[in-house]
């Protein structure tokens, strides 16, 4: 009976510790996303060529960004800046999945009007 009790108690302690770590990671990730914005700027020579930049002022390192430009095109980059050329006028819902090294990933979105 004692062995069962200690086995159950051990499982409960392991589960509580594991859940705490997961909860802290989620909380950290939500907090880190608050330090992140997406900026965009159209080229002076071609309004359909847009440079997107992730501005991050948190305490971790951005390892990569998965971009979805809202027109069916995607791209993974190691830096914070990427340039994309749209083929036609549209309102694109751009998203960036930002990966922080050894911490977490989070998504930010922005609607961009392409003339």
N, C-alpha and C. Protein backbone atom coordinates (compact mmCIF):
# COMPACT_ATOMS: atom_id res chain seq x y z
N UNK A 1 0.82 -1.19 0.00
CA UNK A 1 0.00 0.00 0.00
C UNK A 1 0.87 1.26 0.00
N UNK A 2 1.94 1.25 0.78
CA UNK A 2 2.84 2.41 0.83
C UNK A 2 3.49 2.65 -0.52
N UNK A 3 3.84 1.60 -1.21
CA UNK A 3 4.50 1.75 -2.52
C UNK A 3 3.54 2.42 -3.50
N UNK A 4 2.28 2.01 -3.50
CA UNK A 4 1.30 2.63 -4.38
C UNK A 4 1.13 4.11 -4.04
N UNK A 5 1.06 4.42 -2.75
CA UNK A 5 0.90 5.80 -2.33
C UNK A 5 2.06 6.67 -2.82
N UNK A 6 3.29 6.18 -2.62
CA UNK A 6 4.46 6.95 -3.06
C UNK A 6 4.55 7.04 -4.58
N UNK A 7 4.11 6.00 -5.26
CA UNK A 7 4.11 6.02 -6.72
C UNK A 7 3.13 7.07 -7.23
N UNK A 8 1.93 7.10 -6.67
CA UNK A 8 0.92 8.09 -7.06
C UNK A 8 1.40 9.49 -6.70
N UNK A 9 1.93 9.65 -5.52
CA UNK A 9 2.44 10.96 -5.09
C UNK A 9 3.56 11.44 -6.02
N UNK A 10 4.44 10.54 -6.41
CA UNK A 10 5.53 10.90 -7.33
C UNK A 10 4.98 11.34 -8.67
N UNK A 11 3.99 10.63 -9.19
CA UNK A 11 3.38 11.00 -10.47
C UNK A 11 2.71 12.37 -10.40
N UNK A 12 2.04 12.64 -9.29
CA UNK A 12 1.39 13.94 -9.12
C UNK A 12 2.43 15.05 -9.08
N UNK A 13 3.51 14.86 -8.36
CA UNK A 13 4.57 15.88 -8.29
C UNK A 13 5.22 16.12 -9.64
N UNK A 14 5.46 15.05 -10.39
CA UNK A 14 6.04 15.18 -11.73
C UNK A 14 5.10 15.95 -12.64
N UNK A 15 3.81 15.61 -12.59
CA UNK A 15 2.83 16.30 -13.43
C UNK A 15 2.73 17.77 -13.06
N UNK A 16 2.73 18.08 -11.78
CA UNK A 16 2.64 19.48 -11.36
C UNK A 16 3.87 20.27 -11.81
N UNK A 17 5.03 19.70 -11.71
CA UNK A 17 6.26 20.38 -12.12
C UNK A 17 6.27 20.59 -13.63
N UNK A 18 5.88 19.58 -14.38
CA UNK A 18 5.86 19.68 -15.84
C UNK A 18 4.87 20.73 -16.30
N UNK A 19 3.68 20.74 -15.73
CA UNK A 19 2.67 21.71 -16.11
C UNK A 19 3.12 23.13 -15.77
N UNK A 20 3.81 23.28 -14.65
CA UNK A 20 4.31 24.60 -14.26
C UNK A 20 5.29 25.11 -15.31
N UNK A 21 6.19 24.25 -15.80
CA UNK A 21 7.15 24.66 -16.82
C UNK A 21 6.44 25.07 -18.10
N UNK A 22 5.44 24.29 -18.51
CA UNK A 22 4.68 24.61 -19.72
C UNK A 22 3.95 25.93 -19.55
N UNK A 23 3.32 26.13 -18.41
CA UNK A 23 2.60 27.37 -18.14
C UNK A 23 3.56 28.56 -18.15
N UNK A 24 4.74 28.41 -17.57
CA UNK A 24 5.72 29.49 -17.59
C UNK A 24 6.17 29.79 -19.02
N UNK A 25 6.37 28.75 -19.84
CA UNK A 25 6.76 28.97 -21.24
C UNK A 25 5.68 29.73 -21.99
N UNK A 26 4.42 29.36 -21.78
CA UNK A 26 3.31 30.05 -22.45
C UNK A 26 3.25 31.49 -22.00
N UNK A 27 3.37 31.71 -20.70
CA UNK A 27 3.34 33.07 -20.17
C UNK A 27 4.50 33.89 -20.71
N UNK A 28 5.70 33.30 -20.75
CA UNK A 28 6.86 34.00 -21.31
C UNK A 28 6.61 34.37 -22.76
N UNK A 29 6.04 33.45 -23.52
CA UNK A 29 5.82 33.69 -24.94
C UNK A 29 4.81 34.82 -25.16
N UNK A 30 3.73 34.82 -24.40
CA UNK A 30 2.75 35.90 -24.51
C UNK A 30 3.41 37.22 -24.13
N UNK A 31 4.20 37.21 -23.09
CA UNK A 31 4.91 38.42 -22.69
C UNK A 31 5.88 38.91 -23.75
N UNK A 32 6.62 37.98 -24.35
CA UNK A 32 7.59 38.35 -25.38
C UNK A 32 6.90 38.90 -26.63
N UNK A 33 5.72 38.39 -26.95
CA UNK A 33 5.01 38.88 -28.14
C UNK A 33 4.61 40.35 -27.97
N UNK A 34 4.46 40.79 -26.72
CA UNK A 34 4.13 42.19 -26.47
C UNK A 34 5.28 43.12 -26.84
N UNK A 35 6.49 42.58 -26.96
CA UNK A 35 7.66 43.38 -27.32
C UNK A 35 7.93 43.35 -28.83
N UNK A 36 6.96 42.91 -29.61
CA UNK A 36 7.18 42.68 -31.03
C UNK A 36 6.16 43.42 -31.87
N UNK A 37 6.63 44.07 -32.94
CA UNK A 37 5.73 44.69 -33.91
C UNK A 37 6.21 44.36 -35.31
N UNK A 38 5.30 44.47 -36.26
CA UNK A 38 5.63 44.27 -37.67
C UNK A 38 5.47 45.62 -38.37
N UNK A 39 6.51 46.01 -39.08
CA UNK A 39 6.47 47.25 -39.85
C UNK A 39 6.59 46.90 -41.33
N UNK A 40 6.09 47.78 -42.19
CA UNK A 40 6.25 47.55 -43.63
C UNK A 40 6.46 48.89 -44.33
N UNK A 41 7.17 48.80 -45.46
CA UNK A 41 7.44 50.00 -46.26
C UNK A 41 7.51 49.60 -47.73
N UNK A 42 6.74 50.30 -48.56
CA UNK A 42 6.77 50.05 -50.00
C UNK A 42 7.98 50.71 -50.62
N UNK A 43 8.49 50.09 -51.66
CA UNK A 43 9.62 50.66 -52.39
C UNK A 43 9.18 51.94 -53.10
N UNK A 44 10.08 52.92 -53.17
CA UNK A 44 9.77 54.18 -53.86
C UNK A 44 9.62 53.96 -55.37
N UNK A 45 10.31 52.97 -55.91
CA UNK A 45 10.27 52.74 -57.35
C UNK A 45 9.21 51.73 -57.78
N UNK A 46 8.70 50.91 -56.83
CA UNK A 46 7.69 49.91 -57.16
C UNK A 46 6.83 49.70 -55.91
N UNK A 47 5.63 50.25 -55.94
CA UNK A 47 4.75 50.22 -54.77
C UNK A 47 4.33 48.81 -54.38
N UNK A 48 4.47 47.85 -55.29
CA UNK A 48 4.11 46.46 -54.98
C UNK A 48 5.26 45.68 -54.33
N UNK A 49 6.43 46.29 -54.28
CA UNK A 49 7.57 45.68 -53.59
C UNK A 49 7.60 46.23 -52.17
N UNK A 50 7.37 45.34 -51.22
CA UNK A 50 7.21 45.76 -49.83
C UNK A 50 8.27 45.08 -48.96
N UNK A 51 8.92 45.88 -48.14
CA UNK A 51 9.88 45.35 -47.17
C UNK A 51 9.19 45.29 -45.82
N UNK A 52 9.19 44.09 -45.23
CA UNK A 52 8.61 43.86 -43.92
C UNK A 52 9.73 43.69 -42.91
N UNK A 53 9.53 44.25 -41.72
CA UNK A 53 10.53 44.16 -40.66
C UNK A 53 9.86 43.81 -39.34
N UNK A 54 10.47 42.88 -38.63
CA UNK A 54 10.04 42.57 -37.27
C UNK A 54 10.88 43.43 -36.33
N UNK A 55 10.21 44.20 -35.50
CA UNK A 55 10.89 45.00 -34.48
C UNK A 55 10.66 44.30 -33.15
N UNK A 56 11.73 43.77 -32.56
CA UNK A 56 11.64 43.01 -31.31
C UNK A 56 12.59 43.63 -30.29
N UNK A 57 12.06 43.97 -29.11
CA UNK A 57 12.89 44.59 -28.08
C UNK A 57 12.92 43.74 -26.81
N UNK A 58 12.60 42.46 -26.93
CA UNK A 58 12.60 41.57 -25.77
C UNK A 58 14.00 41.12 -25.40
N UNK A 59 14.08 40.20 -24.47
CA UNK A 59 15.37 39.78 -23.92
C UNK A 59 15.94 38.52 -24.57
N UNK A 60 15.24 37.93 -25.53
CA UNK A 60 15.71 36.72 -26.18
C UNK A 60 16.21 37.03 -27.59
N UNK A 61 16.67 36.01 -28.29
CA UNK A 61 17.16 36.17 -29.65
C UNK A 61 16.16 35.58 -30.63
N UNK A 62 15.82 36.32 -31.67
CA UNK A 62 14.95 35.80 -32.73
C UNK A 62 15.81 34.88 -33.59
N UNK A 63 15.43 33.61 -33.68
CA UNK A 63 16.21 32.65 -34.46
C UNK A 63 15.76 32.60 -35.91
N UNK A 64 14.46 32.78 -36.16
CA UNK A 64 13.95 32.80 -37.53
C UNK A 64 12.53 33.33 -37.53
N UNK A 65 12.06 33.67 -38.74
CA UNK A 65 10.69 34.14 -38.91
C UNK A 65 10.10 33.44 -40.12
N UNK A 66 8.93 32.83 -39.94
CA UNK A 66 8.18 32.23 -41.05
C UNK A 66 7.15 33.25 -41.51
N UNK A 67 7.31 33.73 -42.73
CA UNK A 67 6.42 34.76 -43.27
C UNK A 67 5.35 34.12 -44.15
N UNK A 68 4.14 34.64 -44.07
CA UNK A 68 3.05 34.32 -44.98
C UNK A 68 2.56 35.67 -45.49
N UNK A 69 2.78 35.93 -46.78
CA UNK A 69 2.51 37.25 -47.33
C UNK A 69 1.05 37.49 -47.71
N UNK A 70 0.20 36.49 -47.50
CA UNK A 70 -1.22 36.67 -47.74
C UNK A 70 -1.65 36.51 -49.18
N UNK A 71 -0.70 36.18 -50.05
CA UNK A 71 -1.03 35.98 -51.47
C UNK A 71 -0.66 34.57 -51.93
N UNK A 72 -0.46 33.67 -50.98
CA UNK A 72 -0.07 32.30 -51.30
C UNK A 72 1.42 32.07 -51.22
N UNK A 73 2.19 33.13 -51.03
CA UNK A 73 3.65 33.01 -50.93
C UNK A 73 4.08 32.98 -49.48
N UNK A 74 5.07 32.13 -49.20
CA UNK A 74 5.64 32.04 -47.86
C UNK A 74 7.16 32.05 -47.96
N UNK A 75 7.80 32.39 -46.86
CA UNK A 75 9.26 32.39 -46.85
C UNK A 75 9.74 32.30 -45.40
N UNK A 76 10.80 31.52 -45.18
CA UNK A 76 11.45 31.44 -43.88
C UNK A 76 12.76 32.19 -43.97
N UNK A 77 13.00 33.11 -43.03
CA UNK A 77 14.24 33.87 -43.02
C UNK A 77 14.88 33.82 -41.64
N UNK A 78 16.19 33.92 -41.60
CA UNK A 78 16.93 33.94 -40.34
C UNK A 78 16.99 35.34 -39.74
N UNK A 79 16.83 36.36 -40.56
CA UNK A 79 16.89 37.74 -40.07
C UNK A 79 15.52 38.28 -39.74
N UNK A 80 15.47 39.57 -39.51
CA UNK A 80 14.23 40.24 -39.13
C UNK A 80 13.56 40.97 -40.29
N UNK A 81 14.21 41.00 -41.46
CA UNK A 81 13.71 41.76 -42.60
C UNK A 81 13.57 40.87 -43.82
N UNK A 82 12.50 41.09 -44.57
CA UNK A 82 12.27 40.35 -45.81
C UNK A 82 11.56 41.29 -46.79
N UNK A 83 11.82 41.10 -48.08
CA UNK A 83 11.16 41.89 -49.12
C UNK A 83 10.35 40.94 -49.99
N UNK A 84 9.13 41.38 -50.30
CA UNK A 84 8.23 40.57 -51.13
C UNK A 84 7.59 41.48 -52.17
N UNK A 85 7.46 40.96 -53.40
CA UNK A 85 6.80 41.71 -54.47
C UNK A 85 5.47 41.06 -54.79
N UNK A 86 4.40 41.84 -54.69
CA UNK A 86 3.05 41.37 -54.99
C UNK A 86 2.80 41.55 -56.49
N UNK A 87 2.05 40.64 -57.07
CA UNK A 87 1.81 40.67 -58.51
C UNK A 87 0.63 41.54 -58.91
N UNK A 88 -0.24 41.84 -57.97
CA UNK A 88 -1.44 42.62 -58.29
C UNK A 88 -1.89 43.40 -57.06
N UNK A 89 -2.71 44.42 -57.27
CA UNK A 89 -3.26 45.16 -56.13
C UNK A 89 -4.15 44.24 -55.27
N UNK A 90 -4.05 44.39 -53.97
CA UNK A 90 -4.87 43.58 -53.06
C UNK A 90 -4.70 44.09 -51.65
N UNK A 91 -5.56 43.59 -50.78
CA UNK A 91 -5.35 43.77 -49.36
C UNK A 91 -4.86 42.43 -48.84
N UNK A 92 -3.62 42.40 -48.41
CA UNK A 92 -2.99 41.14 -47.99
C UNK A 92 -2.97 41.06 -46.47
N UNK A 93 -3.36 39.91 -45.96
CA UNK A 93 -3.27 39.64 -44.52
C UNK A 93 -1.95 38.92 -44.28
N UNK A 94 -0.96 39.69 -43.87
CA UNK A 94 0.41 39.18 -43.70
C UNK A 94 0.56 38.67 -42.27
N UNK A 95 1.22 37.51 -42.14
CA UNK A 95 1.51 37.00 -40.81
C UNK A 95 2.97 36.59 -40.71
N UNK A 96 3.50 36.73 -39.52
CA UNK A 96 4.88 36.34 -39.25
C UNK A 96 4.89 35.48 -38.00
N UNK A 97 5.38 34.25 -38.14
CA UNK A 97 5.54 33.37 -36.99
C UNK A 97 6.97 33.55 -36.51
N UNK A 98 7.13 34.23 -35.40
CA UNK A 98 8.44 34.60 -34.87
C UNK A 98 8.93 33.50 -33.92
N UNK A 99 10.12 32.97 -34.19
CA UNK A 99 10.70 31.92 -33.36
C UNK A 99 11.81 32.52 -32.50
N UNK A 100 11.64 32.44 -31.19
CA UNK A 100 12.67 32.88 -30.27
C UNK A 100 13.53 31.68 -29.92
N UNK A 101 14.83 31.85 -29.96
CA UNK A 101 15.77 30.75 -29.71
C UNK A 101 15.51 30.11 -28.35
N UNK A 102 15.25 28.82 -28.36
CA UNK A 102 15.08 28.01 -27.15
C UNK A 102 13.98 28.49 -26.21
N UNK A 103 13.03 29.28 -26.72
CA UNK A 103 11.98 29.76 -25.84
C UNK A 103 10.60 29.36 -26.37
N UNK A 104 10.18 29.97 -27.47
CA UNK A 104 8.85 29.73 -27.98
C UNK A 104 8.69 30.38 -29.35
N UNK A 105 7.50 30.25 -29.90
CA UNK A 105 7.13 30.90 -31.15
C UNK A 105 5.77 31.57 -30.96
N UNK A 106 5.57 32.66 -31.67
CA UNK A 106 4.29 33.34 -31.62
C UNK A 106 4.05 34.02 -32.96
N UNK A 107 2.79 34.30 -33.24
CA UNK A 107 2.41 34.87 -34.54
C UNK A 107 1.92 36.30 -34.35
N UNK A 108 2.34 37.16 -35.28
CA UNK A 108 1.79 38.51 -35.34
C UNK A 108 1.23 38.71 -36.74
N UNK A 109 0.20 39.52 -36.87
CA UNK A 109 -0.50 39.71 -38.14
C UNK A 109 -0.67 41.18 -38.44
N UNK A 110 -0.78 41.46 -39.74
CA UNK A 110 -1.00 42.83 -40.17
C UNK A 110 -1.69 42.81 -41.53
N UNK A 111 -2.65 43.67 -41.72
CA UNK A 111 -3.31 43.82 -43.01
C UNK A 111 -2.61 44.94 -43.78
N UNK A 112 -2.23 44.65 -45.03
CA UNK A 112 -1.47 45.61 -45.84
C UNK A 112 -2.19 45.80 -47.18
N UNK A 113 -2.41 47.06 -47.54
CA UNK A 113 -3.05 47.36 -48.83
C UNK A 113 -1.98 47.60 -49.89
N UNK A 114 -2.04 46.79 -50.95
CA UNK A 114 -1.10 46.90 -52.06
C UNK A 114 -1.79 47.62 -53.21
N UNK A 115 -1.26 48.75 -53.67
CA UNK A 115 -1.92 49.52 -54.73
C UNK A 115 -1.75 48.87 -56.11
